[in-house]
Protein backbone atom coordinates (compact mmCIF):
# COMPACT_ATOMS: atom_id res chain seq x y z
CA MET A 1 95.37 54.62 -126.93
CA THR A 2 96.77 52.78 -129.96
CA LYS A 3 94.71 52.01 -133.01
CA THR A 4 94.87 48.30 -132.31
CA ALA A 5 93.57 48.90 -128.81
CA PHE A 6 90.49 50.53 -130.29
CA LEU A 7 89.76 47.35 -132.19
CA ARG A 8 89.63 44.99 -129.21
CA PRO A 9 85.97 43.96 -128.70
CA ARG A 10 84.40 44.18 -125.31
CA SER A 11 83.73 40.70 -123.91
CA ALA A 12 80.11 41.52 -123.05
CA ALA A 13 79.37 42.29 -126.68
CA ALA A 14 81.46 39.52 -128.20
CA GLU A 15 79.23 36.61 -127.10
CA PRO A 16 76.03 37.61 -128.95
CA MET A 17 78.10 38.82 -131.88
CA GLU A 18 79.69 35.41 -132.27
CA SER A 19 76.25 33.82 -132.60
CA PHE A 20 75.47 35.66 -135.86
CA ALA A 21 78.94 36.56 -137.13
CA GLY A 22 78.69 33.88 -139.79
CA LEU A 23 75.48 35.38 -141.13
CA LEU A 24 77.02 38.83 -141.32
CA ARG A 25 80.13 37.51 -143.03
CA GLU A 26 77.96 36.33 -145.92
CA TRP A 27 75.54 39.27 -145.90
CA LEU A 28 77.96 42.21 -145.72
CA PRO A 29 79.71 41.72 -149.10
CA GLU A 30 76.32 41.71 -150.84
CA GLN A 31 75.45 45.21 -149.65
CA ARG A 32 75.77 48.14 -152.03
CA TRP A 33 77.69 50.18 -149.44
CA PHE A 34 80.26 47.48 -148.59
CA ALA A 35 83.68 48.68 -149.78
CA GLY A 36 85.59 45.37 -149.88
CA LYS A 37 83.60 43.45 -152.48
CA ASP A 38 86.73 42.28 -154.27
CA ARG A 39 88.20 40.78 -151.07
CA PRO A 40 86.77 38.01 -148.86
CA VAL A 41 85.82 38.89 -145.27
CA THR A 42 88.24 36.83 -143.22
CA ASP A 43 87.69 38.47 -139.83
CA LEU A 44 84.65 40.06 -138.27
CA HIS A 45 84.97 41.76 -134.89
CA VAL A 46 82.55 43.81 -132.84
CA LEU A 47 83.88 47.21 -131.83
CA SER A 48 80.74 48.45 -130.11
CA MET A 49 77.31 46.94 -129.43
CA THR A 50 74.44 48.88 -127.86
CA GLU A 51 70.79 47.98 -127.39
CA LEU A 52 69.23 51.05 -128.97
CA PHE A 53 65.75 49.97 -127.94
CA PRO A 54 64.14 46.56 -127.33
CA GLY A 55 64.65 44.34 -130.34
CA CYS A 56 67.21 46.60 -132.04
CA LEU A 57 70.99 46.43 -131.68
CA HIS A 58 73.36 49.16 -132.82
CA LEU A 59 76.73 47.77 -133.89
CA LEU A 60 80.04 49.00 -135.15
CA VAL A 61 81.88 46.05 -136.64
CA HIS A 62 85.30 45.68 -138.20
CA ALA A 63 85.30 43.62 -141.38
CA GLY A 64 88.86 42.46 -141.94
CA HIS A 65 90.57 41.05 -144.98
CA GLY A 66 93.56 39.55 -143.23
CA GLY A 67 94.80 38.23 -139.92
CA VAL A 68 94.71 40.01 -136.59
CA PRO A 69 98.03 41.78 -135.88
CA SER A 70 99.85 41.87 -132.60
CA PRO A 71 99.63 45.12 -130.59
CA GLY A 72 101.97 47.74 -132.02
CA HIS A 73 102.13 46.12 -135.45
CA THR A 74 100.37 46.85 -138.74
CA PRO A 75 96.66 47.63 -138.21
CA TRP A 76 94.03 45.30 -139.57
CA ALA A 77 93.28 45.55 -143.28
CA GLY A 78 89.58 46.35 -143.45
CA ASP A 79 86.87 48.81 -142.57
CA CYS A 80 84.46 49.75 -139.80
CA TYR A 81 80.73 49.55 -140.62
CA GLN A 82 77.62 50.73 -138.82
CA LEU A 83 74.77 48.23 -138.55
CA LEU A 84 71.32 48.53 -137.00
CA LEU A 85 70.07 44.98 -136.54
CA GLY A 86 66.58 43.92 -135.60
CA VAL A 87 66.24 40.68 -133.65
CA ARG A 88 62.87 38.89 -133.54
CA GLU A 89 61.50 35.41 -132.96
CA HIS A 90 58.76 35.93 -135.53
CA PRO A 91 59.70 38.66 -138.01
CA SER A 92 57.15 40.20 -140.32
CA ALA A 93 56.95 38.71 -143.79
CA ARG A 94 57.12 42.27 -145.13
CA LEU A 95 60.80 42.47 -144.22
CA GLY A 96 61.63 40.31 -147.24
CA ARG A 97 65.18 40.95 -148.47
CA ALA A 98 66.06 42.78 -145.24
CA VAL A 99 66.33 39.41 -143.45
CA ILE A 100 69.93 38.43 -142.80
CA GLY A 101 69.22 34.97 -141.39
CA ARG A 102 68.18 32.82 -138.47
CA VAL A 103 70.66 32.39 -135.62
CA GLN A 104 71.43 28.74 -134.90
CA ASP A 105 73.25 28.92 -131.57
CA GLY A 106 74.33 31.20 -128.74
CA PRO A 107 72.16 33.58 -126.69
CA LEU A 108 70.15 34.60 -129.80
CA ALA A 109 69.49 31.05 -131.03
CA GLY A 110 66.17 30.67 -132.81
CA ARG A 111 65.78 34.37 -133.54
CA THR A 112 65.90 36.06 -136.91
CA VAL A 113 68.30 38.94 -137.54
CA TYR A 114 67.50 41.62 -140.12
CA ASP A 115 68.48 45.11 -141.25
CA ALA A 116 66.38 47.26 -138.91
CA LEU A 117 66.34 50.24 -141.29
CA HIS A 118 63.82 48.29 -143.40
CA ASP A 119 61.49 47.97 -140.40
CA PRO A 120 59.04 50.93 -140.10
CA ARG A 121 58.73 50.44 -136.34
CA SER A 122 62.51 50.59 -135.83
CA ALA A 123 62.78 53.57 -138.18
CA GLN A 124 60.15 55.46 -136.17
CA LEU A 125 61.86 54.67 -132.86
CA LEU A 126 65.16 55.86 -134.32
CA LEU A 127 63.56 59.20 -135.18
CA GLU A 128 62.17 59.43 -131.63
CA ARG A 129 65.71 59.11 -130.31
CA LEU A 130 66.75 62.00 -132.55
CA ARG A 131 63.75 64.10 -131.47
CA HIS A 132 64.88 63.86 -127.84
CA PRO A 133 68.62 64.55 -127.48
CA GLY A 134 70.33 62.24 -125.04
CA VAL A 135 72.83 59.45 -124.48
CA VAL A 136 72.51 55.70 -124.98
CA GLY A 137 75.76 54.00 -124.04
CA PRO A 138 78.46 55.48 -126.32
CA LEU A 139 75.84 56.97 -128.66
CA ARG A 140 75.05 60.68 -128.55
CA PHE A 141 71.79 62.03 -130.02
CA GLU A 142 72.09 65.78 -130.61
CA GLY A 143 70.34 68.49 -132.57
CA ASP A 144 69.58 72.12 -133.35
CA ALA A 145 67.55 73.41 -130.41
CA GLY A 146 65.83 75.89 -132.72
CA ARG A 147 64.39 73.22 -135.01
CA ARG A 148 61.38 71.09 -134.06
CA VAL A 149 60.78 67.64 -135.53
CA PRO A 150 57.10 66.64 -135.31
CA THR A 151 55.84 63.20 -134.27
CA GLY A 152 54.01 60.71 -136.44
CA LEU A 153 56.14 61.06 -139.57
CA VAL A 154 55.87 57.89 -141.67
CA PRO A 155 59.30 56.52 -142.65
CA ARG A 156 60.38 55.05 -145.97
CA LEU A 157 63.79 53.72 -146.90
CA LEU A 158 65.20 55.01 -150.17
CA ASP A 159 66.25 52.20 -152.47
CA ALA A 160 68.54 54.23 -154.74
CA GLU A 161 72.10 53.00 -155.22
CA GLN A 162 74.34 54.79 -152.76
CA SER A 163 77.21 54.26 -150.34
CA ASN A 164 75.01 54.91 -147.28
CA SER A 165 71.38 54.34 -146.27
CA SER A 166 68.73 57.08 -146.20
CA LEU A 167 65.32 57.23 -144.52
CA VAL A 168 62.72 59.81 -145.50
CA TYR A 169 60.21 60.79 -142.82
CA GLY A 170 56.86 62.09 -144.01
CA ASP A 171 58.53 63.88 -146.95
CA GLU A 172 59.71 66.46 -144.40
CA PHE A 173 63.09 65.14 -143.26
CA ILE A 174 65.75 62.79 -144.54
CA LEU A 175 68.12 60.84 -142.29
CA LYS A 176 71.39 59.68 -143.81
CA VAL A 177 72.84 56.75 -141.89
CA PHE A 178 76.54 56.44 -142.65
CA ARG A 179 77.65 52.88 -143.24
CA ARG A 180 81.42 53.01 -143.52
CA ILE A 181 82.65 54.79 -140.40
CA GLN A 182 85.95 56.58 -139.91
CA PRO A 183 87.14 58.52 -136.85
CA GLY A 184 86.38 62.24 -136.90
CA VAL A 185 83.62 64.63 -137.89
CA ASN A 186 81.93 63.64 -141.14
CA PRO A 187 81.89 66.51 -143.68
CA ASP A 188 78.20 65.85 -144.31
CA LEU A 189 77.53 67.22 -140.83
CA GLU A 190 80.37 69.72 -140.59
CA VAL A 191 79.94 71.49 -143.94
CA PRO A 192 76.14 71.99 -144.09
CA GLY A 193 76.23 73.26 -140.51
CA ALA A 194 78.95 75.78 -141.33
CA LEU A 195 77.14 76.90 -144.50
CA ALA A 196 73.90 77.38 -142.59
CA ARG A 197 75.73 79.74 -140.25
CA GLN A 198 76.90 81.64 -143.34
CA GLY A 199 73.30 82.02 -144.49
CA CYS A 200 73.86 79.90 -147.61
CA HIS A 201 70.43 78.69 -148.76
CA ARG A 202 71.83 76.25 -151.33
CA VAL A 203 72.43 73.50 -148.75
CA PRO A 204 69.82 72.01 -146.34
CA ALA A 205 70.98 72.62 -142.76
CA PRO A 206 71.37 69.77 -140.20
CA VAL A 207 68.44 69.39 -137.82
CA ALA A 208 69.69 66.50 -135.67
CA TRP A 209 72.58 64.07 -135.73
CA LEU A 210 73.97 60.92 -134.16
CA ARG A 211 77.57 60.34 -133.14
CA THR A 212 79.58 57.90 -131.05
CA THR A 213 82.42 58.16 -128.55
CA HIS A 214 83.47 54.48 -128.71
CA PRO A 215 85.63 52.88 -130.05
CA PHE A 216 86.51 56.33 -131.41
CA LYS A 217 84.72 59.64 -131.90
CA ALA A 218 82.79 59.61 -135.18
CA THR A 219 79.65 60.88 -136.89
CA LEU A 220 77.04 58.16 -137.51
CA GLY A 221 74.06 59.95 -139.08
CA VAL A 222 72.56 63.33 -140.00
CA LEU A 223 68.90 64.43 -140.21
CA GLN A 224 68.15 67.29 -142.64
CA PRO A 225 65.07 68.85 -144.26
CA PHE A 226 63.79 66.85 -147.22
CA LEU A 227 63.25 68.88 -150.37
CA ARG A 228 59.87 67.61 -151.46
CA ASN A 229 58.96 67.80 -155.14
CA ALA A 230 62.64 68.19 -155.97
CA SER A 231 64.34 66.37 -158.85
CA ASP A 232 67.99 65.48 -158.97
CA GLY A 233 70.14 66.84 -161.75
CA TRP A 234 70.83 63.39 -163.22
CA THR A 235 67.13 62.67 -163.71
CA LEU A 236 66.50 66.11 -165.19
CA ALA A 237 69.41 65.76 -167.61
CA LEU A 238 68.24 62.35 -168.82
CA GLU A 239 64.69 63.67 -169.26
CA ALA A 240 66.04 66.54 -171.35
CA LEU A 241 68.04 64.14 -173.50
CA ALA A 242 65.07 61.82 -173.99
CA ALA A 243 62.88 64.73 -175.07
CA GLY A 244 65.55 66.23 -177.28
CA ASP A 245 65.53 69.37 -175.15
CA ASP A 246 68.32 71.79 -174.50
CA PHE A 247 69.80 71.79 -170.99
CA THR A 248 72.02 74.85 -171.18
CA ALA A 249 69.80 77.19 -169.12
CA GLN A 250 69.71 74.66 -166.29
CA SER A 251 73.46 74.09 -166.62
CA HIS A 252 74.17 77.82 -166.44
CA ALA A 253 72.05 78.15 -163.29
CA LEU A 254 73.79 75.11 -161.81
CA GLY A 255 77.17 76.74 -162.45
CA ARG A 256 76.03 79.82 -160.52
CA ALA A 257 74.78 77.62 -157.66
CA THR A 258 78.14 75.82 -157.51
CA ALA A 259 79.95 79.15 -157.30
CA ASP A 260 77.59 80.29 -154.52
CA VAL A 261 78.49 77.21 -152.49
CA HIS A 262 82.21 77.64 -153.14
CA LEU A 263 82.07 81.28 -152.07
CA ALA A 264 80.22 80.33 -148.87
CA LEU A 265 82.74 77.56 -148.19
CA GLY A 266 85.56 80.05 -148.63
CA ALA A 267 83.94 82.30 -146.03
CA ALA A 268 83.16 79.47 -143.60
CA PHE A 269 86.54 77.74 -143.61
CA PRO A 270 90.13 79.01 -143.83
CA VAL A 271 91.33 79.47 -147.40
CA GLY A 272 94.82 78.33 -148.30
CA GLY A 273 97.39 79.86 -150.57
CA PRO A 274 97.90 79.11 -154.26
CA GLY A 275 97.54 75.47 -155.19
CA GLU A 276 100.62 73.27 -154.80
CA ASN A 277 100.47 72.01 -158.37
CA ARG A 278 103.61 69.90 -158.17
CA LEU A 279 102.40 67.95 -155.13
CA THR A 280 98.93 67.63 -156.63
CA ALA A 281 100.40 66.29 -159.87
CA GLU A 282 102.48 63.75 -157.94
CA GLY A 283 99.40 62.51 -156.11
CA MET A 284 97.44 62.19 -159.35
CA THR A 285 100.30 60.29 -160.97
CA GLU A 286 100.50 57.90 -158.03
CA ARG A 287 96.75 57.21 -158.22
CA LEU A 288 97.02 56.57 -161.95
CA THR A 289 99.94 54.18 -161.48
CA ALA A 290 98.09 52.24 -158.78
CA ALA A 291 94.90 52.10 -160.85
CA ALA A 292 96.74 50.85 -163.94
CA HIS A 293 98.45 48.19 -161.83
CA SER A 294 95.09 46.76 -160.73
CA LEU A 295 93.25 47.38 -164.04
CA PRO A 296 95.25 46.39 -167.14
CA VAL A 297 92.66 48.12 -169.34
CA LEU A 298 94.26 51.44 -168.29
CA GLN A 299 97.84 50.53 -169.11
CA PRO A 300 97.85 51.50 -172.82
CA PHE A 301 96.82 55.05 -171.85
CA VAL A 302 99.15 55.71 -168.92
CA SER A 303 101.79 57.56 -170.91
CA GLY A 304 99.27 59.92 -172.51
CA LEU A 305 97.42 60.56 -169.26
CA LYS A 306 100.63 61.42 -167.44
CA THR A 307 101.14 64.34 -169.80
CA ALA A 308 98.13 66.04 -168.21
CA PHE A 309 99.70 65.73 -164.78
CA ALA A 310 103.12 66.82 -166.02
CA ALA A 311 101.56 69.95 -167.52
CA LEU A 312 99.78 70.65 -164.23
CA ALA A 313 103.10 70.86 -162.41
CA THR A 314 104.17 73.87 -164.48
CA CYS A 315 100.92 75.74 -165.19
CA ASP A 316 99.09 78.62 -163.50
CA PRO A 317 98.40 77.66 -159.84
CA GLY A 318 94.80 78.79 -160.22
CA PRO A 319 92.42 79.75 -157.40
CA PRO A 320 93.44 79.18 -153.76
CA ALA A 321 92.81 75.81 -152.18
CA GLN A 322 89.68 75.71 -150.01
CA ARG A 323 87.02 73.35 -148.68
CA ILE A 324 84.97 71.94 -151.54
CA HIS A 325 82.18 69.43 -152.06
CA GLY A 326 84.60 66.68 -153.01
CA ASP A 327 82.31 64.45 -155.11
CA LEU A 328 80.20 66.82 -157.18
CA HIS A 329 78.08 65.43 -160.02
CA LEU A 330 74.50 65.63 -161.31
CA GLY A 331 73.29 63.14 -158.73
CA GLN A 332 74.44 65.42 -155.90
CA VAL A 333 72.30 68.41 -156.86
CA LEU A 334 68.55 68.93 -156.58
CA ARG A 335 66.29 71.38 -158.37
CA ALA A 336 63.24 72.54 -156.43
CA GLY A 337 61.21 75.24 -158.12
CA ARG A 338 63.71 77.58 -159.77
CA ASP A 339 66.57 76.89 -157.38
CA TRP A 340 69.43 74.41 -157.40
CA PHE A 341 70.51 72.86 -154.09
CA VAL A 342 73.70 70.93 -153.34
CA ILE A 343 73.61 67.83 -151.10
CA ASP A 344 75.85 65.00 -149.89
CA PHE A 345 79.05 66.68 -148.72
CA GLU A 346 80.60 63.43 -147.56
CA GLY A 347 83.09 63.43 -150.45
CA GLU A 348 84.40 60.31 -152.14
CA PRO A 349 83.80 57.60 -149.49
CA SER A 350 86.81 55.58 -150.66
CA ARG A 351 89.20 58.38 -149.67
CA PRO A 352 90.41 58.94 -146.08
CA LEU A 353 88.30 61.30 -143.97
CA SER A 354 91.28 63.57 -143.33
CA GLU A 355 91.70 64.06 -147.08
CA ARG A 356 87.99 64.74 -147.58
CA ARG A 357 88.09 67.43 -144.90
CA SER A 358 91.19 69.15 -146.29
CA ALA A 359 91.43 72.05 -148.75
CA HIS A 360 91.45 71.40 -152.50
CA SER A 361 91.18 73.39 -155.68
CA PRO A 362 87.55 74.26 -156.55
CA LEU A 363 88.41 72.98 -160.04
CA ARG A 364 88.14 69.49 -158.63
CA ASP A 365 84.40 70.00 -158.08
CA ILE A 366 84.00 71.66 -161.47
CA ALA A 367 85.73 68.74 -163.19
CA GLY A 368 83.40 66.31 -161.45
CA MET A 369 80.34 68.10 -162.80
CA LEU A 370 81.78 68.33 -166.32
CA ARG A 371 82.40 64.58 -166.28
CA SER A 372 78.80 64.10 -165.16
CA PHE A 373 77.46 65.87 -168.25
CA ASP A 374 79.47 63.41 -170.33
CA TYR A 375 78.02 60.48 -168.36
CA ALA A 376 74.49 61.72 -169.01
CA ALA A 377 75.07 62.26 -172.74
CA ARG A 378 76.28 58.67 -173.11
CA GLN A 379 73.12 57.14 -171.66
CA ARG A 380 71.36 57.31 -175.02
CA ARG A 381 72.24 56.05 -178.47
CA PRO A 382 73.52 57.63 -180.55
CA TRP A 383 75.80 59.47 -178.15
CA ARG A 384 75.29 63.23 -178.24
CA PRO A 385 78.71 64.81 -177.59
CA GLU A 386 77.45 68.21 -178.73
CA TRP A 387 74.80 68.17 -175.96
CA ALA A 388 77.50 67.53 -173.37
CA ARG A 389 79.76 70.22 -174.85
CA ARG A 390 77.01 72.87 -174.67
CA CYS A 391 76.20 71.92 -171.07
CA ARG A 392 79.86 72.16 -170.12
CA GLU A 393 80.18 75.59 -171.70
CA ALA A 394 77.01 76.88 -170.05
CA TYR A 395 77.99 75.50 -166.64
CA CYS A 396 81.42 77.16 -166.76
CA ALA A 397 79.87 80.42 -167.96
CA GLY A 398 77.41 80.38 -165.06
CA TYR A 399 80.20 79.65 -162.61
CA ALA A 400 82.32 82.49 -164.02
CA ALA A 401 79.42 84.96 -163.79
CA ARG A 402 79.17 84.37 -160.04
CA ALA A 403 82.73 83.51 -158.99
CA GLY A 404 84.56 86.17 -160.96
CA TRP A 405 86.95 83.77 -162.71
CA ASP A 406 86.38 81.42 -165.63
CA PRO A 407 87.25 77.70 -165.29
CA ARG A 408 87.68 77.49 -169.08
CA LYS A 409 90.70 79.79 -168.83
CA LYS A 410 92.40 77.29 -166.49
CA HIS A 411 92.77 74.68 -169.22
CA GLY A 412 95.82 72.89 -167.81
CA LEU A 413 94.29 72.63 -164.35
CA LEU A 414 90.91 71.54 -165.66
CA ARG A 415 92.36 68.85 -167.91
CA ALA A 416 94.40 67.40 -165.04
CA TYR A 417 91.43 67.31 -162.65
CA GLU A 418 89.16 65.78 -165.31
CA THR A 419 91.79 63.14 -166.00
CA ASP A 420 92.14 62.34 -162.30
CA ARG A 421 88.35 62.10 -162.00
CA ALA A 422 88.13 59.77 -165.02
CA VAL A 423 90.74 57.46 -163.47
CA TYR A 424 88.67 57.34 -160.28
CA GLU A 425 85.54 56.56 -162.35
CA VAL A 426 87.26 53.65 -164.09
CA LEU A 427 88.18 52.11 -160.73
CA TYR A 428 84.69 52.68 -159.35
CA GLU A 429 82.87 51.21 -162.35
CA ALA A 430 85.18 48.21 -162.58
CA ARG A 431 84.41 47.36 -158.95
CA HIS A 432 80.73 48.25 -158.71
CA ARG A 433 79.15 48.64 -162.18
CA PRO A 434 81.20 46.88 -164.86
CA ASP A 435 78.54 47.56 -167.51
CA TRP A 436 79.26 51.29 -167.13
CA LEU A 437 83.02 50.95 -167.62
CA PRO A 438 82.92 52.05 -171.30
CA VAL A 439 81.73 55.54 -170.24
CA PRO A 440 84.86 56.62 -168.31
CA MET A 441 87.09 54.60 -170.65
CA ALA A 442 85.90 56.76 -173.56
CA ALA A 443 87.02 59.82 -171.59
CA ILE A 444 90.33 58.16 -170.75
CA GLU A 445 91.00 57.58 -174.45
CA ARG A 446 90.04 61.14 -175.34
CA LEU A 447 92.13 62.73 -172.59
CA ALA A 448 95.15 60.54 -173.32
CA VAL A 449 95.17 60.99 -177.08
CA ARG A 450 93.71 64.43 -177.72
CA GLY A 451 94.42 66.07 -174.38
CA ASP A 452 91.14 67.98 -174.15
């Protein structure tokens, strides 16, 4: 079946969709997880619609930013999103900002549509579906037969900024509902499951999950144990900075934890040969060129930044390519008791799923964490570059103690991956958090001029 054939809505689902498509067209771009904020939604098409339970519709919709192509021609420009919509005549006042709007015509006329993940009743019924594996239309509810999920867990929706939506149940489990859907197995299900089979305790294992078979096979959500009383690395780093405390012991332990996960990933998935530095450098250069084209603020630094990628093409190939986290930073790690845990293996959501599931140099993860220390240090005035430098050193030392090789001795590789990460950060901040743009731009200037 062609890609365009996948995108043809079923007539039975199209009629109710048309009645609230206008509401969704206005609501979608306002959501934190919507990827096309800089482009108007010109087309909205239902790919799949299923009544999950009375009063709750599960939808996969295609938000397009251009016209509909003819079969066999260029696919639509846009993305597929997962929505769980509540439909009521008299919604609770507690839903507040979850309300999308009141339908004016069609089969749902007079009813109010809202984001059902904000509704405790819908959230509880969703967990009940996951507790009892089965099929609802194209949806498949599956789980680990050896893990029991109790009843009566009170749900709460996390309000942190993120590219998906997460529900916590009774501080025992957390359900990540993926918003932007791509065909294939999501790494946030695939990787933790594989690491659990390796006996790696650094990553919470999947308990239950939701996937679909229409309009393509894809992962829709994953339920995992919730680490109660845990603090994320970003919060802990900012607390240390505010108190004037050293963070090197925690950074060293975090480096060891990162190496543990990389070693387990190397055992769970096939490991490639030496890194293809020339091809990697070409890809980094292409991303830089595209970023500078859309963001003029980068253009004065392009020449200096390209030297990092040029050096990569001729330096030591470094450790073999393998599966990695893909988007590692202080917000993706949790400390519970004395242990560090790594979460959110989805990778950078803006990149294709095939790329996120492929092998990369572990230095890409390391560079992401080193950039995160810099981000944390710049949250207070005056900026404390020495604090970030000590954390970076301790993290690399901890990694080396466990992995058997030292990232600091791969200077050319590390500089290139940090530069590539900083370019990504500039694009991200410009689109989502313009007030944060000075943070990665400071790194861009440093990497372009000083090359360290």
